[in-house]
C-alpha atoms as a PDB file:
ATOM      1  CA  MET A   1      65.681  79.725 159.865  1.00  0.00           C
ATOM      2  CA  ARG A   2      62.493  78.072 161.677  1.00  0.00           C
ATOM      3  CA  LEU A   3      61.639  75.492 159.568  1.00  0.00           C
ATOM      4  CA  LEU A   4      58.155  73.439 159.231  1.00  0.00           C
ATOM      5  CA  VAL A   5      58.935  69.918 157.140  1.00  0.00           C
ATOM      6  CA  LEU A   6      55.517  68.155 156.245  1.00  0.00           C
ATOM      7  CA  GLY A   7      56.585  64.565 156.123  1.00  0.00           C
ATOM      8  CA  GLY A   8      60.854  64.274 156.680  1.00  0.00           C
ATOM      9  CA  THR A   9      60.913  60.991 158.270  1.00  0.00           C
ATOM     10  CA  GLN A  10      61.614  58.414 155.275  1.00  0.00           C
ATOM     11  CA  PHE A  11      64.006  59.314 152.652  1.00  0.00           C
ATOM     12  CA  VAL A  12      64.290  62.824 150.621  1.00  0.00           C
ATOM     13  CA  GLY A  13      62.753  64.513 153.777  1.00  0.00           C
ATOM     14  CA  ARG A  14      65.254  62.657 155.777  1.00  0.00           C
ATOM     15  CA  HIS A  15      68.148  64.289 154.303  1.00  0.00           C
ATOM     16  CA  ILE A  16      66.433  67.519 153.877  1.00  0.00           C
ATOM     17  CA  VAL A  17      65.905  67.678 157.666  1.00  0.00           C
ATOM     18  CA  SER A  18      69.668  66.362 158.189  1.00  0.00           C
ATOM     19  CA  ALA A  19      70.731  69.293 156.060  1.00  0.00           C
ATOM     20  CA  ALA A  20      68.727  71.655 157.907  1.00  0.00           C
ATOM     21  CA  VAL A  21      69.955  70.632 161.096  1.00  0.00           C
ATOM     22  CA  GLU A  22      73.547  70.509 160.130  1.00  0.00           C
ATOM     23  CA  ARG A  23      73.322  74.101 159.130  1.00  0.00           C
ATOM     24  CA  GLY A  24      71.749  75.032 162.792  1.00  0.00           C
ATOM     25  CA  HIS A  25      68.318  75.664 161.759  1.00  0.00           C
ATOM     26  CA  HIS A  26      65.416  74.980 164.190  1.00  0.00           C
ATOM     27  CA  VAL A  27      63.179  72.260 162.445  1.00  0.00           C
ATOM     28  CA  THR A  28      59.612  71.152 163.137  1.00  0.00           C
ATOM     29  CA  LEU A  29      58.491  67.840 161.655  1.00  0.00           C
ATOM     30  CA  PHE A  30      54.607  67.248 160.933  1.00  0.00           C
ATOM     31  CA  HIS A  31      54.121  63.393 160.339  1.00  0.00           C
ATOM     32  CA  ARG A  32      51.817  60.534 161.420  1.00  0.00           C
ATOM     33  CA  GLY A  33      54.636  59.078 163.747  1.00  0.00           C
ATOM     34  CA  SER A  34      55.609  55.755 162.027  1.00  0.00           C
ATOM     35  CA  ARG A  35      59.233  56.847 161.900  1.00  0.00           C
ATOM     36  CA  ASP A  36      60.967  59.274 164.093  1.00  0.00           C
ATOM     37  CA  PRO A  37      64.308  59.274 163.096  1.00  0.00           C
ATOM     38  CA  PHE A  38      64.885  62.978 164.693  1.00  0.00           C
ATOM     39  CA  PRO A  39      63.777  62.997 168.290  1.00  0.00           C
ATOM     40  CA  ALA A  40      66.002  66.137 169.041  1.00  0.00           C
ATOM     41  CA  CYS A  41      63.565  68.233 166.768  1.00  0.00           C
ATOM     42  CA  GLU A  42      60.280  69.293 167.286  1.00  0.00           C
ATOM     43  CA  ASN A  43      57.533  66.476 166.274  1.00  0.00           C
ATOM     44  CA  ILE A  44      53.853  67.257 165.610  1.00  0.00           C
ATOM     45  CA  LEU A  45      52.022  64.100 164.980  1.00  0.00           C
ATOM     46  CA  GLY A  46      49.232  64.254 162.588  1.00  0.00           C
ATOM     47  CA  ASP A  47      47.741  63.568 158.957  1.00  0.00           C
ATOM     48  CA  ARG A  48      47.922  66.366 156.476  1.00  0.00           C
ATOM     49  CA  GLU A  49      44.581  65.777 155.196  1.00  0.00           C
ATOM     50  CA  HIS A  50      42.701  66.006 158.766  1.00  0.00           C
ATOM     51  CA  ASP A  51      44.943  67.483 161.357  1.00  0.00           C
ATOM     52  CA  LEU A  52      46.396  70.778 159.976  1.00  0.00           C
ATOM     53  CA  GLU A  53      44.875  72.851 162.787  1.00  0.00           C
ATOM     54  CA  ARG A  54      47.577  71.436 165.043  1.00  0.00           C
ATOM     55  CA  LEU A  55      50.357  73.472 162.941  1.00  0.00           C
ATOM     56  CA  ARG A  56      49.805  76.903 164.523  1.00  0.00           C
ATOM     57  CA  GLY A  57      52.972  79.253 164.883  1.00  0.00           C
ATOM     58  CA  GLU A  58      55.383  81.040 163.137  1.00  0.00           C
ATOM     59  CA  TRP A  59      58.018  79.577 160.488  1.00  0.00           C
ATOM     60  CA  ASP A  60      60.143  81.269 157.960  1.00  0.00           C
ATOM     61  CA  ALA A  61      59.554  78.213 155.444  1.00  0.00           C
ATOM     62  CA  VAL A  62      57.848  74.910 155.151  1.00  0.00           C
ATOM     63  CA  VAL A  63      59.348  72.134 152.927  1.00  0.00           C
ATOM     64  CA  ASP A  64      56.682  69.994 151.674  1.00  0.00           C
ATOM     65  CA  THR A  65      58.377  66.682 150.804  1.00  0.00           C
ATOM     66  CA  CYS A  66      55.184  64.384 150.452  1.00  0.00           C
ATOM     67  CA  GLY A  67      52.491  66.331 148.242  1.00  0.00           C
ATOM     68  CA  TYR A  68      51.134  63.977 145.830  1.00  0.00           C
ATOM     69  CA  MET A  69      47.542  65.220 145.218  1.00  0.00           C
ATOM     70  CA  PRO A  70      46.475  69.013 144.305  1.00  0.00           C
ATOM     71  CA  ARG A  71      43.371  68.655 146.711  1.00  0.00           C
ATOM     72  CA  ILE A  72      45.843  67.909 149.891  1.00  0.00           C
ATOM     73  CA  VAL A  73      48.402  70.338 148.826  1.00  0.00           C
ATOM     74  CA  SER A  74      45.857  73.168 148.646  1.00  0.00           C
ATOM     75  CA  LEU A  75      44.590  72.341 152.117  1.00  0.00           C
ATOM     76  CA  SER A  76      48.297  72.801 153.509  1.00  0.00           C
ATOM     77  CA  THR A  77      49.073  75.920 151.541  1.00  0.00           C
ATOM     78  CA  ALA A  78      45.761  77.475 152.241  1.00  0.00           C
ATOM     79  CA  HIS A  79      46.188  76.756 155.891  1.00  0.00           C
ATOM     80  CA  LEU A  80      49.693  77.594 156.209  1.00  0.00           C
ATOM     81  CA  GLU A  81      49.857  80.612 154.273  1.00  0.00           C
ATOM     82  CA  PRO A  82      49.170  82.851 157.259  1.00  0.00           C
ATOM     83  CA  PHE A  83      51.779  81.326 159.342  1.00  0.00           C
ATOM     84  CA  VAL A  84      55.009  80.815 157.020  1.00  0.00           C
ATOM     85  CA  LYS A  85      56.867  83.363 154.668  1.00  0.00           C
ATOM     86  CA  ARG A  86      58.113  80.805 152.052  1.00  0.00           C
ATOM     87  CA  TYR A  87      56.729  77.277 150.658  1.00  0.00           C
ATOM     88  CA  ALA A  88      59.359  74.941 149.241  1.00  0.00           C
ATOM     89  CA  PHE A  89      57.572  71.952 147.057  1.00  0.00           C
ATOM     90  CA  ILE A  90      59.567  68.786 146.180  1.00  0.00           C
ATOM     91  CA  SER A  91      58.176  67.725 142.870  1.00  0.00           C
ATOM     92  CA  SER A  92      59.728  65.596 140.529  1.00  0.00           C
ATOM     93  CA  ILE A  93      61.223  65.613 136.548  1.00  0.00           C
ATOM     94  CA  SER A  94      58.218  63.426 135.890  1.00  0.00           C
ATOM     95  CA  ALA A  95      56.121  66.487 135.943  1.00  0.00           C
ATOM     96  CA  TYR A  96      57.686  67.345 132.396  1.00  0.00           C
ATOM     97  CA  THR A  97      55.443  66.727 129.358  1.00  0.00           C
ATOM     98  CA  SER A  98      58.623  64.823 127.945  1.00  0.00           C
ATOM     99  CA  LEU A  99      62.291  64.247 128.725  1.00  0.00           C
ATOM    100  CA  LYS A 100      63.209  64.212 125.410  1.00  0.00           C
ATOM    101  CA  GLY A 101      66.399  66.953 124.722  1.00  0.00           C
ATOM    102  CA  LEU A 102      67.098  67.746 128.233  1.00  0.00           C
ATOM    103  CA  PRO A 103      64.259  70.293 129.413  1.00  0.00           C
ATOM    104  CA  ASP A 104      64.903  73.124 131.378  1.00  0.00           C
ATOM    105  CA  GLU A 105      62.697  74.505 133.919  1.00  0.00           C
ATOM    106  CA  ALA A 106      60.608  76.347 131.251  1.00  0.00           C
ATOM    107  CA  ALA A 107      59.356  73.310 129.383  1.00  0.00           C
ATOM    108  CA  PRO A 108      55.822  72.196 129.363  1.00  0.00           C
ATOM    109  CA  LEU A 109      54.475  70.331 132.141  1.00  0.00           C
ATOM    110  CA  GLY A 110      52.312  67.241 131.956  1.00  0.00           C
ATOM    111  CA  GLN A 111      48.520  67.359 132.173  1.00  0.00           C
ATOM    112  CA  LEU A 112      46.026  64.787 133.255  1.00  0.00           C
ATOM    113  CA  GLU A 113      43.825  63.019 130.726  1.00  0.00           C
ATOM    114  CA  ALA A 114      40.864  62.582 133.330  1.00  0.00           C
ATOM    115  CA  GLU A 115      40.901  63.835 136.856  1.00  0.00           C
ATOM    116  CA  THR A 116      42.032  61.356 139.476  1.00  0.00           C
ATOM    117  CA  GLU A 117      43.970  60.828 142.657  1.00  0.00           C
ATOM    118  CA  GLU A 118      45.161  57.406 141.803  1.00  0.00           C
ATOM    119  CA  VAL A 119      48.824  57.641 141.394  1.00  0.00           C
ATOM    120  CA  SER A 120      50.399  55.561 138.491  1.00  0.00           C
ATOM    121  CA  GLY A 121      53.166  55.619 136.050  1.00  0.00           C
ATOM    122  CA  SER A 122      50.553  58.244 133.982  1.00  0.00           C
ATOM    123  CA  SER A 123      49.281  60.083 136.570  1.00  0.00           C
ATOM    124  CA  TYR A 124      52.251  60.802 139.122  1.00  0.00           C
ATOM    125  CA  GLY A 125      53.863  63.548 136.791  1.00  0.00           C
ATOM    126  CA  PRO A 126      50.884  65.293 135.808  1.00  0.00           C
ATOM    127  CA  LEU A 127      49.604  65.236 139.596  1.00  0.00           C
ATOM    128  CA  LYS A 128      53.038  66.873 140.792  1.00  0.00           C
ATOM    129  CA  ALA A 129      52.601  69.490 138.019  1.00  0.00           C
ATOM    130  CA  LEU A 130      49.217  70.251 139.473  1.00  0.00           C
ATOM    131  CA  CYS A 131      50.639  70.379 142.914  1.00  0.00           C
ATOM    132  CA  GLU A 132      53.213  72.894 141.661  1.00  0.00           C
ATOM    133  CA  ARG A 133      50.495  75.192 140.108  1.00  0.00           C
ATOM    134  CA  VAL A 134      48.590  75.157 143.608  1.00  0.00           C
ATOM    135  CA  VAL A 135      51.789  76.313 145.411  1.00  0.00           C
ATOM    136  CA  THR A 136      52.365  78.849 143.089  1.00  0.00           C
ATOM    137  CA  ASP A 137      48.771  80.251 142.761  1.00  0.00           C
ATOM    138  CA  ILE A 138      49.077  80.580 146.701  1.00  0.00           C
ATOM    139  CA  PHE A 139      52.446  81.623 147.381  1.00  0.00           C
ATOM    140  CA  GLY A 140      53.605  83.250 144.064  1.00  0.00           C
ATOM    141  CA  THR A 141      57.174  84.526 144.227  1.00  0.00           C
ATOM    142  CA  ARG A 142      57.546  83.005 148.119  1.00  0.00           C
ATOM    143  CA  GLY A 143      57.184  79.569 146.571  1.00  0.00           C
ATOM    144  CA  LEU A 144      59.944  77.446 145.644  1.00  0.00           C
ATOM    145  CA  VAL A 145      59.712  74.188 143.511  1.00  0.00           C
ATOM    146  CA  ILE A 146      62.453  71.869 143.376  1.00  0.00           C
ATOM    147  CA  ARG A 147      62.451  69.197 140.610  1.00  0.00           C
ATOM    148  CA  PRO A 148      64.662  66.009 141.381  1.00  0.00           C
ATOM    149  CA  GLY A 149      65.403  63.149 139.091  1.00  0.00           C
ATOM    150  CA  LEU A 150      66.075  59.679 140.313  1.00  0.00           C
ATOM    151  CA  VAL A 151      67.162  60.196 143.818  1.00  0.00           C
ATOM    152  CA  VAL A 152      69.581  57.582 145.319  1.00  0.00           C
ATOM    153  CA  GLY A 153      71.476  56.655 148.527  1.00  0.00           C
ATOM    154  CA  PRO A 154      71.017  55.727 152.096  1.00  0.00           C
ATOM    155  CA  PHE A 155      67.368  54.981 153.282  1.00  0.00           C
ATOM    156  CA  ASP A 156      66.208  54.662 149.608  1.00  0.00           C
ATOM    157  CA  PRO A 157      63.135  52.503 149.905  1.00  0.00           C
ATOM    158  CA  THR A 158      62.972  51.851 145.810  1.00  0.00           C
ATOM    159  CA  ASP A 159      66.185  49.941 145.343  1.00  0.00           C
ATOM    160  CA  ARG A 160      66.632  51.296 141.994  1.00  0.00           C
ATOM    161  CA  PHE A 161      70.447  52.150 142.778  1.00  0.00           C
ATOM    162  CA  SER A 162      70.967  49.952 145.864  1.00  0.00           C
ATOM    163  CA  TYR A 163      69.862  46.676 143.953  1.00  0.00           C
ATOM    164  CA  TRP A 164      73.155  47.061 141.713  1.00  0.00           C
ATOM    165  CA  VAL A 165      75.394  48.316 144.677  1.00  0.00           C
ATOM    166  CA  ASP A 166      74.391  45.033 146.397  1.00  0.00           C
ATOM    167  CA  ARG A 167      74.584  42.765 143.647  1.00  0.00           C
ATOM    168  CA  ILE A 168      78.095  43.775 142.462  1.00  0.00           C
ATOM    169  CA  ALA A 169      79.586  43.654 145.871  1.00  0.00           C
ATOM    170  CA  ARG A 170      78.361  40.090 146.036  1.00  0.00           C
ATOM    171  CA  GLY A 171      80.511  39.451 143.054  1.00  0.00           C
ATOM    172  CA  GLY A 172      80.404  36.804 140.465  1.00  0.00           C
ATOM    173  CA  GLU A 173      78.712  36.905 137.139  1.00  0.00           C
ATOM    174  CA  VAL A 174      76.538  39.639 136.745  1.00  0.00           C
ATOM    175  CA  LEU A 175      73.735  40.178 134.104  1.00  0.00           C
ATOM    176  CA  ALA A 176      73.790  43.741 132.908  1.00  0.00           C
ATOM    177  CA  PRO A 177      71.441  45.429 130.286  1.00  0.00           C
ATOM    178  CA  GLU A 178      73.371  45.969 126.938  1.00  0.00           C
ATOM    179  CA  GLY A 179      76.887  46.618 126.514  1.00  0.00           C
ATOM    180  CA  VAL A 180      76.346  50.190 124.948  1.00  0.00           C
ATOM    181  CA  ALA A 181      77.518  53.500 126.810  1.00  0.00           C
ATOM    182  CA  GLN A 182      73.625  54.323 127.911  1.00  0.00           C
ATOM    183  CA  GLN A 183      73.193  57.286 129.822  1.00  0.00           C
ATOM    184  CA  THR A 184      71.847  57.403 133.258  1.00  0.00           C
ATOM    185  CA  CYS A 185      71.243  60.403 135.626  1.00  0.00           C
ATOM    186  CA  PHE A 186      70.633  60.370 139.444  1.00  0.00           C
ATOM    187  CA  ILE A 187      71.335  62.414 142.372  1.00  0.00           C
ATOM    188  CA  ASP A 188      72.412  61.696 145.930  1.00  0.00           C
ATOM    189  CA  ALA A 189      69.771  62.418 148.580  1.00  0.00           C
ATOM    190  CA  ARG A 190      72.188  64.556 150.668  1.00  0.00           C
ATOM    191  CA  ASP A 191      73.012  66.690 147.801  1.00  0.00           C
ATOM    192  CA  LEU A 192      69.497  67.054 147.178  1.00  0.00           C
ATOM    193  CA  GLY A 193      68.773  67.958 150.437  1.00  0.00           C
ATOM    194  CA  ARG A 194      71.488  70.671 150.833  1.00  0.00           C
ATOM    195  CA  PHE A 195      70.529  72.269 147.813  1.00  0.00           C
ATOM    196  CA  VAL A 196      66.750  72.769 149.025  1.00  0.00           C
ATOM    197  CA  ILE A 197      68.239  74.102 152.245  1.00  0.00           C
ATOM    198  CA  HIS A 198      70.873  76.488 150.273  1.00  0.00           C
ATOM    199  CA  ALA A 199      68.023  77.587 148.212  1.00  0.00           C
ATOM    200  CA  LEU A 200      65.805  78.519 151.264  1.00  0.00           C
ATOM    201  CA  GLU A 201      68.761  80.421 152.756  1.00  0.00           C
ATOM    202  CA  THR A 202      69.348  82.302 149.826  1.00  0.00           C
ATOM    203  CA  ASP A 203      65.921  83.339 149.139  1.00  0.00           C
ATOM    204  CA  SER A 204      65.918  81.591 145.745  1.00  0.00           C
ATOM    205  CA  SER A 205      62.249  81.205 144.111  1.00  0.00           C
ATOM    206  CA  GLY A 206      60.791  79.480 141.219  1.00  0.00           C
ATOM    207  CA  ALA A 207      61.621  76.178 139.708  1.00  0.00           C
ATOM    208  CA  PHE A 208      64.839  74.302 139.608  1.00  0.00           C
ATOM    209  CA  ASN A 209      65.691  70.966 138.268  1.00  0.00           C
ATOM    210  CA  ALA A 210      67.579  68.909 140.433  1.00  0.00           C
ATOM    211  CA  ASP A 211      69.432  65.970 139.061  1.00  0.00           C
ATOM    212  CA  GLY A 212      72.801  64.600 138.536  1.00  0.00           C
ATOM    213  CA  ARG A 213      75.276  64.879 135.361  1.00  0.00           C
ATOM    214  CA  GLY A 214      74.789  62.049 133.082  1.00  0.00           C
ATOM    215  CA  GLN A 215      77.172  58.919 133.124  1.00  0.00           C
ATOM    216  CA  SER A 216      77.176  55.837 131.120  1.00  0.00           C
ATOM    217  CA  LEU A 217      75.779  52.758 132.971  1.00  0.00           C
ATOM    218  CA  PRO A 218      78.554  50.828 132.552  1.00  0.00           C
ATOM    219  CA  ASP A 219      81.090  53.144 133.952  1.00  0.00           C
ATOM    220  CA  VAL A 220      78.368  53.550 136.822  1.00  0.00           C
ATOM    221  CA  LEU A 221      78.583  49.892 137.430  1.00  0.00           C
ATOM    222  CA  GLU A 222      82.236  49.801 136.962  1.00  0.00           C
ATOM    223  CA  VAL A 223      82.693  52.287 139.880  1.00  0.00           C
ATOM    224  CA  MET A 224      80.710  50.011 141.927  1.00  0.00           C
ATOM    225  CA  ARG A 225      82.666  47.066 141.582  1.00  0.00           C
ATOM    226  CA  SER A 226      85.848  49.143 142.106  1.00  0.00           C
ATOM    227  CA  VAL A 227      84.678  50.357 145.283  1.00  0.00           C
ATOM    228  CA  SER A 228      83.322  47.137 146.707  1.00  0.00           C
ATOM    229  CA  GLY A 229      86.432  45.309 145.580  1.00  0.00           C
ATOM    230  CA  SER A 230      84.318  42.546 144.097  1.00  0.00           C
ATOM    231  CA  ASP A 231      85.363  39.642 141.629  1.00  0.00           C
ATOM    232  CA  ALA A 232      82.438  40.790 139.726  1.00  0.00           C
ATOM    233  CA  THR A 233      82.190  40.462 135.920  1.00  0.00           C
ATOM    234  CA  PHE A 234      79.621  41.421 133.858  1.00  0.00           C
ATOM    235  CA  THR A 235      77.437  39.839 131.042  1.00  0.00           C
ATOM    236  CA  TRP A 236      75.431  42.149 128.741  1.00  0.00           C
ATOM    237  CA  ALA A 237      72.404  40.924 127.422  1.00  0.00           C
ATOM    238  CA  SER A 238      70.522  42.749 124.614  1.00  0.00           C
ATOM    239  CA  ARG A 239      67.673  44.690 124.845  1.00  0.00           C
ATOM    240  CA  GLU A 240      65.418  42.482 122.728  1.00  0.00           C
ATOM    241  CA  PHE A 241      66.379  39.536 124.594  1.00  0.00           C
ATOM    242  CA  LEU A 242      65.641  40.992 128.023  1.00  0.00           C
ATOM    243  CA  LEU A 243      62.162  42.615 126.805  1.00  0.00           C
ATOM    244  CA  GLU A 244      61.411  39.310 125.244  1.00  0.00           C
ATOM    245  CA  GLN A 245      62.195  37.458 128.799  1.00  0.00           C
ATOM    246  CA  THR A 246      59.891  40.347 130.388  1.00  0.00           C
ATOM    247  CA  VAL A 247      62.590  41.820 132.355  1.00  0.00           C
ATOM    248  CA  THR A 248      61.142  45.335 133.364  1.00  0.00           C
ATOM    249  CA  PRO A 249      63.501  48.116 132.716  1.00  0.00           C
ATOM    250  CA  TRP A 250      63.867  51.016 135.563  1.00  0.00           C
ATOM    251  CA  ALA A 251      62.539  49.747 138.553  1.00  0.00           C
ATOM    252  CA  GLY A 252      60.091  47.279 140.112  1.00  0.00           C
ATOM    253  CA  ALA A 253      60.009  43.812 140.944  1.00  0.00           C
ATOM    254  CA  ASP A 254      61.821  41.462 138.153  1.00  0.00           C
ATOM    255  CA  SER A 255      63.620  44.588 136.665  1.00  0.00           C
ATOM    256  CA  LEU A 256      67.063  45.688 135.838  1.00  0.00           C
ATOM    257  CA  PRO A 257      67.066  49.008 137.518  1.00  0.00           C
ATOM    258  CA  LEU A 258      68.538  52.132 135.676  1.00  0.00           C
ATOM    259  CA  TRP A 259      67.819  50.804 132.455  1.00  0.00           C
ATOM    260  CA  THR A 260      66.033  52.550 129.989  1.00  0.00           C
ATOM    261  CA  VAL A 261      64.764  51.293 126.564  1.00  0.00           C
ATOM    262  CA  GLY A 262      63.527  54.988 125.354  1.00  0.00           C
ATOM    263  CA  ASP A 263      65.236  58.358 125.469  1.00  0.00           C
ATOM    264  CA  PRO A 264      67.767  58.912 128.070  1.00  0.00           C
ATOM    265  CA  LEU A 265      66.281  60.218 131.196  1.00  0.00           C
ATOM    266  CA  GLY A 266      67.743  63.840 132.073  1.00  0.00           C
ATOM    267  CA  VAL A 267      67.081  67.482 132.246  1.00  0.00           C
ATOM    268  CA  SER A 268      68.888  70.585 132.149  1.00  0.00           C
ATOM    269  CA  ILE A 269      70.666  71.534 135.467  1.00  0.00           C
ATOM    270  CA  SER A 270      72.302  74.622 134.737  1.00  0.00           C
ATOM    271  CA  LYS A 271      70.115  76.925 136.600  1.00  0.00           C
ATOM    272  CA  ALA A 272      70.638  74.797 139.683  1.00  0.00           C
ATOM    273  CA  LEU A 273      74.058  74.782 139.033  1.00  0.00           C
ATOM    274  CA  SER A 274      74.405  78.438 139.171  1.00  0.00           C
ATOM    275  CA  ALA A 275      72.253  78.680 142.229  1.00  0.00           C
ATOM    276  CA  GLY A 276      74.562  76.350 144.318  1.00  0.00           C
ATOM    277  CA  LEU A 277      73.900  72.559 143.705  1.00  0.00           C
ATOM    278  CA  THR A 278      76.766  70.681 144.086  1.00  0.00           C
ATOM    279  CA  HIS A 279      77.640  66.852 143.686  1.00  0.00           C
ATOM    280  CA  ARG A 280      79.569  64.514 145.714  1.00  0.00           C
ATOM    281  CA  PRO A 281      82.043  61.700 144.019  1.00  0.00           C
ATOM    282  CA  LEU A 282      79.871  58.772 143.014  1.00  0.00           C
ATOM    283  CA  GLU A 283      82.315  56.622 144.780  1.00  0.00           C
ATOM    284  CA  ASP A 284      80.977  58.198 148.302  1.00  0.00           C
ATOM    285  CA  THR A 285      77.564  57.515 147.451  1.00  0.00           C
ATOM    286  CA  VAL A 286      78.335  53.855 146.938  1.00  0.00           C
ATOM    287  CA  ILE A 287      80.481  53.726 149.776  1.00  0.00           C
ATOM    288  CA  ASP A 288      77.458  55.063 152.050  1.00  0.00           C
ATOM    289  CA  THR A 289      74.818  52.954 150.461  1.00  0.00           C
ATOM    290  CA  LEU A 290      76.803  49.916 150.719  1.00  0.00           C
ATOM    291  CA  GLU A 291      77.293  50.540 154.435  1.00  0.00           C
ATOM    292  CA  TRP A 292      73.566  51.086 154.950  1.00  0.00           C
ATOM    293  CA  LEU A 293      73.111  47.926 153.323  1.00  0.00           C
ATOM    294  CA  ARG A 294      74.347  46.121 155.680  1.00  0.00           C
ATOM    295  CA  SER A 295      71.502  46.916 158.134  1.00  0.00           C
ATOM    296  CA  HIS A 296      69.103  45.150 155.971  1.00  0.00           C
ATOM    297  CA  GLY A 297      68.309  41.357 157.201  1.00  0.00           C
ATOM    298  CA  ALA A 298      68.263  38.377 155.385  1.00  0.00           C
ATOM    299  CA  ASP A 299      64.443  38.660 155.260  1.00  0.00           C
ATOM    300  CA  HIS A 300      65.009  42.061 153.188  1.00  0.00           C
ATOM    301  CA  VAL A 301      62.020  42.170 150.215  1.00  0.00           C
ATOM    302  CA  TRP A 302      63.778  43.965 147.359  1.00  0.00           C
ATOM    303  CA  ARG A 303      61.486  46.486 145.485  1.00  0.00           C
ATOM    304  CA  SER A 304      63.655  46.656 142.345  1.00  0.00           C
ATOM    305  CA  GLY A 305      65.934  44.074 141.031  1.00  0.00           C
ATOM    306  CA  ILE A 306      65.861  40.325 139.845  1.00  0.00           C
ATOM    307  CA  THR A 307      66.482  37.391 142.400  1.00  0.00           C
ATOM    308  CA  ALA A 308      69.626  35.265 142.205  1.00  0.00           C
ATOM    309  CA  ALA A 309      67.750  32.718 140.784  1.00  0.00           C
ATOM    310  CA  ARG A 310      66.121  34.511 138.120  1.00  0.00           C
ATOM    311  CA  GLU A 311      69.531  35.980 137.085  1.00  0.00           C
ATOM    312  CA  THR A 312      71.338  32.527 136.835  1.00  0.00           C
ATOM    313  CA  ALA A 313      68.306  31.516 134.514  1.00  0.00           C
ATOM    314  CA  LEU A 314      68.278  34.510 132.275  1.00  0.00           C
ATOM    315  CA  LEU A 315      72.425  34.213 131.878  1.00  0.00           C
ATOM    316  CA  GLU A 316      72.086  30.079 131.034  1.00  0.00           C
ATOM    317  CA  MET A 317      69.446  31.468 128.320  1.00  0.00           C
ATOM    318  CA  TRP A 318      71.239  34.297 126.961  1.00  0.00           C
ATOM    319  CA  LYS A 319      74.572  32.355 126.634  1.00  0.00           C
ATOM    320  CA  SER A 320      72.907  29.320 124.981  1.00  0.00           C
ATOM    321  CA  GLY A 321      71.191  31.396 122.732  1.00  0.00           C
ATOM    322  CA  GLY A 322      74.600  33.384 121.255  1.00  0.00           C
ATOM    323  CA  LEU A 323      77.717  34.427 122.125  1.00  0.00           C
ATOM    324  CA  SER A 324      77.712  36.965 125.171  1.00  0.00           C
ATOM    325  CA  THR A 325      80.031  39.475 125.576  1.00  0.00           C
ATOM    326  CA  SER A 326      81.641  39.615 128.913  1.00  0.00           C
ATOM    327  CA  GLN A 327      83.439  42.341 130.399  1.00  0.00           C
ATOM    328  CA  GLY A 328      86.106  41.263 133.236  1.00  0.00           C
END
């Protein structure tokens, strides 16, 4: 196939391009030039809002990895419709109104309360849903929508998964949220990339949830400890304590990533599994993420997680306030 990828140089798009190259497809990347991990591919530099006229040619499919605003996606779909046979849009499970009960692809999608182009926690999902509608309106059955869950692995800029890989590898007493078998879901970016290319190769259309299978957070952390061979021990602090100390769930500065305080995050992936989605062992994801983390310099600013000093203070407070449950 001849593929045009909008973006494709940072994380999810990077792994989609890698999967396409591995399969022998010809890839053209359209990006702003801030990164260039694929010099052997055809690279066209430009901004997707202002420089679409630079895209003139014929492609079997376009993969849109960086569409967040319906207005911007409208520009690219309208311009590219005469030049490409199919349009694959990378959306998100955040597009659903609710994740309660493992929604399938027919579940209701979110809606904006007020028109905006500001991406926030409340607008991100509904904006993705509107972008999906733009693709469907223009391309119809030639449109493909992929809704990933949390994407993890090498080159992840969010640190939501890699915080734990790094922290547990360093060993010692590790502060962890709750001691219950809380479920968490994520998908390796390379598995996502391969599924996107496979879906295009097999002329799949419509929407697909692309996520991992639910695993308990303690089990995930234990795999990280085993793979890294560290001497880490886990001290499980209660949800009430962590929230009182303003520790943020899920992601961001001063957070304990992958931790949720509401309903578990996850979707039905039956349709994608039937269409060819596969998952590598968690151990492989941890090993490769740990290897990638070795490229981080000492000055790396973590976008998710807590600092060592903050962790030490929280551990002291938790243990002084009551009996802690440690898992060796």
